[in-house]
Each structure stands twice: as structure tokens, then as C-alpha cells.
Protein backbone atom coordinates (compact mmCIF):
# COMPACT_ATOMS: atom_id res chain seq x y z
CA MET A 1 -12.50 16.98 -11.11
CA LYS A 2 -10.17 16.82 -8.44
CA THR A 3 -10.17 13.65 -6.55
CA ARG A 4 -7.77 12.77 -3.49
CA VAL A 5 -8.29 8.84 -1.55
CA SER A 6 -6.16 7.94 1.19
CA LEU A 7 -5.45 4.76 2.72
CA SER A 8 -4.35 3.52 5.61
CA LEU A 9 -2.49 -0.14 6.59
CA GLU A 10 -2.22 -0.88 10.51
CA MET A 11 0.86 -2.36 11.14
CA PRO A 12 2.22 -2.69 14.62
CA ARG A 13 5.36 -4.70 13.70
CA THR A 14 7.83 -1.34 12.55
CA LYS A 15 9.86 -4.13 10.12
CA ALA A 16 6.65 -5.33 8.53
CA ARG A 17 6.04 -1.56 7.80
CA LYS A 18 9.48 -0.59 6.68
CA SER A 19 9.22 -3.20 4.02
CA LEU A 20 6.35 -2.74 2.48
CA ARG A 21 6.71 0.82 1.64
CA SER A 22 10.38 -0.42 0.60
CA VAL A 23 8.40 -2.93 -1.44
CA LEU A 24 5.71 -0.72 -2.65
CA ALA A 25 7.43 3.35 -3.46
CA PRO A 26 9.93 1.29 -6.38
CA ASP A 27 6.80 0.79 -8.32
CA ASN A 28 4.75 3.37 -8.26
CA VAL A 29 7.59 5.16 -10.22
CA GLY A 30 5.92 5.67 -13.81
CA ILE A 31 2.34 6.74 -11.79
CA PRO A 32 -0.14 7.67 -14.10
CA ARG A 33 0.10 12.03 -15.31
CA GLY A 34 -1.76 13.84 -13.04
CA THR A 35 -1.54 11.40 -10.53
CA ARG A 36 0.32 11.97 -7.29
CA LEU A 37 0.91 9.05 -4.34
CA GLN A 38 2.67 10.00 -1.06
CA ILE A 39 3.42 7.58 1.29
CA GLU A 40 4.14 8.49 5.16
CA VAL A 41 4.36 6.51 8.03
CA MET A 42 1.74 8.04 11.03
CA GLY A 43 2.63 5.53 14.73
CA SER A 44 1.97 2.49 13.04
CA ASN A 45 -0.14 2.97 10.60
CA LEU A 46 1.59 3.20 6.55
CA VAL A 47 -0.97 5.92 4.49
CA PHE A 48 -1.80 6.18 1.46
CA GLY A 49 -2.11 9.34 -0.04
CA VAL A 50 -3.23 9.51 -4.08
CA ALA A 51 -4.43 12.81 -5.38
CA SER A 52 -5.87 12.31 -9.54
CA ASP A 53 -6.85 14.91 -12.20
CA SER A 54 -8.87 11.49 -12.30
CA VAL A 55 -12.06 9.76 -9.96
CA SER A 56 -11.31 6.52 -12.25
CA THR A 57 -7.19 6.63 -12.39
CA ALA A 58 -7.27 8.05 -8.12
CA ILE A 59 -9.65 4.27 -7.64
CA SER A 60 -7.38 2.37 -9.68
CA THR A 61 -4.43 3.22 -7.86
CA VAL A 62 -5.07 2.71 -4.19
CA LEU A 63 -6.97 -0.34 -5.20
CA ALA A 64 -3.32 -1.86 -6.41
CA LEU A 65 -1.59 -0.63 -3.53
CA VAL A 66 -4.90 -2.38 -1.47
CA ARG A 67 -3.99 -5.23 -3.56
CA ASP A 68 -0.28 -5.81 -3.70
CA ALA A 69 -0.45 -5.25 0.11
CA SER A 70 -2.34 -8.25 0.47
CA LEU A 71 -0.09 -9.82 -1.75
CA PHE A 72 2.68 -8.43 0.62
CA GLN A 73 0.79 -9.99 3.72
CA GLU A 74 1.16 -13.08 2.53
CA VAL A 75 5.06 -13.56 1.24
CA TRP A 76 5.59 -12.32 4.41
CA LEU A 77 3.68 -14.63 6.98
CA LEU A 78 4.88 -17.34 4.98
CA SER A 79 8.24 -16.22 4.66
CA ARG A 80 7.98 -15.89 8.41
CA LYS A 81 7.73 -19.31 10.27
CA LYS A 82 7.37 -22.96 8.35
CA GLY A 83 3.82 -23.39 8.04
CA ALA A 84 2.36 -20.23 8.72
CA LYS A 85 -1.11 -19.60 7.24
CA VAL A 86 -2.53 -16.87 5.98
CA GLN A 87 -5.82 -15.78 7.94
CA ARG A 88 -8.40 -13.98 5.76
CA LYS A 89 -11.60 -12.35 7.06
């Protein structure tokens, strides 16, 4: 079964969007066989497209992207201001 999953992150700051894209792209060179990862900028959104021959691989890849983006957000915010706090919703 072929699976396609799309994840869109709204990131109004161009610098943050470019940084996240550059941080995540090299790590995904060795993605599982039969899986394709595409990263695009669409307006203020960073859009990840995952296509896989396996449902579980597609879902785990997207979950890994969400975890990595969350970690990036924490590091990004904490590096910007002394005493900055990460807000969780």
C-alpha cells in the first residue's frame, strides 16, 4: 500500500524557516528504502511531503520530523534571548 503524508509548519520568520530546512534536510539522506521526503517552502509554511510503500514508515517519518521541529523550536527560542522560555500549548 502506498502512503502519502503531508506536514505543514507555519513559520512566518524566513530565517527560522531556512534554518529548520537546512537542519533537517541532511539528516534525512538515509531514509528507509521505498520512502521519499520532499521539503518545500510555500509562503510562510515549510511543507514536508512523505511518500512510502509502508504506512508505518510514513507515520514514523512524520513523527520524527515533528520531534525534530519541536527540538529545533526550543533551541531556536532559547538561543535568541537570554531568559527566553519555551511556551507549550
